[in-house]
Amino acid sequence: MPDDAKRSAARKIVRDAQEQFERDAEAVREARRKAFAGALVAGLSLREIAEETGLHHSTVSEIARGRSRSPVRPPSLQARRPRCCSSRGSVAACRE
């Protein structure tokens, strides 16, 4: 039975941590959206903001207009696909 109490406590800690993470992530997302929108108002172009952040200009546009719902990862953190899986390559070639 003592293990049940520990497991229950651990579950609560995990749930609380996830809820806090989601609250914090939403606040950060909104702060980024406001910063991008403010930069546009200040005269920066989408491409200039994209260059500063390492994002694609269309992603910057979506974020600034509040249309992005998923977190966007900078290119340095995105998974690299093998060259054969690029838009011109064949996915089947990667499986060989």
Protein backbone atom coordinates (compact mmCIF):
# COMPACT_ATOMS: atom_id res chain seq x y z
CA MET A 1 0.00 0.00 0.00
CA PRO A 2 2.78 2.55 0.67
CA ASP A 3 3.75 2.23 -2.98
CA ASP A 4 0.21 3.23 -3.98
CA ALA A 5 0.52 6.46 -1.99
CA LYS A 6 3.88 7.23 -3.63
CA ARG A 7 2.51 6.50 -7.08
CA SER A 8 -0.56 8.63 -6.44
CA ALA A 9 1.62 11.51 -5.24
CA ALA A 10 3.89 11.13 -8.27
CA ARG A 11 0.87 11.23 -10.60
CA LYS A 12 -0.33 14.46 -8.98
CA ILE A 13 3.13 16.02 -9.32
CA VAL A 14 3.25 15.09 -13.01
CA ARG A 15 -0.26 16.46 -13.67
CA ASP A 16 0.55 19.70 -11.85
CA ALA A 17 3.81 20.10 -13.75
CA GLN A 18 2.05 19.53 -17.08
CA GLU A 19 -0.65 22.08 -16.24
CA GLN A 20 1.99 24.64 -15.26
CA PHE A 21 3.91 23.94 -18.47
CA GLU A 22 0.79 24.49 -20.57
CA ARG A 23 0.03 27.78 -18.79
CA ASP A 24 3.59 28.99 -19.22
CA ALA A 25 3.74 27.91 -22.87
CA GLU A 26 0.56 29.84 -23.67
CA ALA A 27 1.93 32.97 -21.98
CA VAL A 28 5.20 32.69 -23.92
CA ARG A 29 3.33 32.11 -27.19
CA GLU A 30 1.24 35.23 -26.59
CA ALA A 31 4.32 37.31 -25.70
CA ARG A 32 5.99 36.18 -28.93
CA ARG A 33 2.88 36.99 -30.95
CA LYS A 34 2.78 40.49 -29.46
CA ALA A 35 6.50 41.00 -30.13
CA PHE A 36 6.10 39.95 -33.77
CA ALA A 37 3.02 42.13 -34.23
CA GLY A 38 4.83 45.06 -32.61
CA ALA A 39 7.82 44.58 -34.89
CA LEU A 40 5.50 44.70 -37.91
CA VAL A 41 3.91 47.91 -36.65
CA ALA A 42 7.41 49.33 -36.09
CA GLY A 43 8.16 48.73 -39.77
CA LEU A 44 10.04 45.44 -39.89
CA SER A 45 9.07 43.13 -42.71
CA LEU A 46 8.06 39.52 -42.24
CA ARG A 47 11.34 38.49 -43.84
CA GLU A 48 13.36 40.68 -41.46
CA ILE A 49 11.62 39.17 -38.44
CA ALA A 50 12.12 35.71 -39.94
CA GLU A 51 15.82 36.38 -40.40
CA GLU A 52 16.17 37.45 -36.77
CA THR A 53 14.31 34.42 -35.43
CA GLY A 54 15.40 31.70 -37.83
CA LEU A 55 11.79 31.05 -38.85
CA HIS A 56 10.21 31.09 -42.29
CA HIS A 57 8.44 34.35 -43.14
CA SER A 58 5.09 32.56 -43.56
CA THR A 59 5.45 31.14 -40.04
CA VAL A 60 6.17 34.64 -38.73
CA SER A 61 3.01 35.86 -40.46
CA GLU A 62 0.89 33.13 -38.87
CA ILE A 63 2.31 33.83 -35.42
CA ALA A 64 1.91 37.62 -35.69
CA ARG A 65 -1.72 37.21 -36.73
CA GLY A 66 -2.42 34.68 -33.99
CA ARG A 67 -3.11 31.77 -36.32
CA SER A 68 -0.37 29.45 -35.10
CA ARG A 69 -1.57 26.91 -32.55
CA SER A 70 1.41 24.61 -32.42
CA PRO A 71 4.75 25.58 -31.00
CA VAL A 72 7.26 26.43 -33.67
CA ARG A 73 10.77 25.10 -33.33
CA PRO A 74 13.73 26.96 -34.78
CA PRO A 75 15.47 25.19 -37.67
CA SER A 76 18.40 24.26 -35.43
CA LEU A 77 16.07 22.08 -33.34
CA GLN A 78 14.02 20.57 -36.13
CA ALA A 79 14.71 16.99 -37.07
CA ARG A 80 16.85 16.76 -40.15
CA ARG A 81 15.46 14.53 -42.86
CA PRO A 82 17.81 12.55 -45.08
CA ARG A 83 18.33 14.10 -48.50
CA CYS A 84 16.43 11.24 -50.14
CA CYS A 85 13.32 12.29 -48.18
CA SER A 86 13.40 15.88 -49.35
CA SER A 87 10.48 17.26 -51.31
CA ARG A 88 12.12 16.12 -54.54
CA GLY A 89 13.33 12.78 -53.27
CA SER A 90 11.49 9.55 -52.87
CA VAL A 91 10.43 8.39 -49.44
CA ALA A 92 10.62 4.83 -50.72
CA ALA A 93 14.35 5.34 -51.40
CA CYS A 94 14.91 5.90 -47.65
CA ARG A 95 13.44 2.52 -46.84
CA GLU A 96 15.86 0.63 -49.06
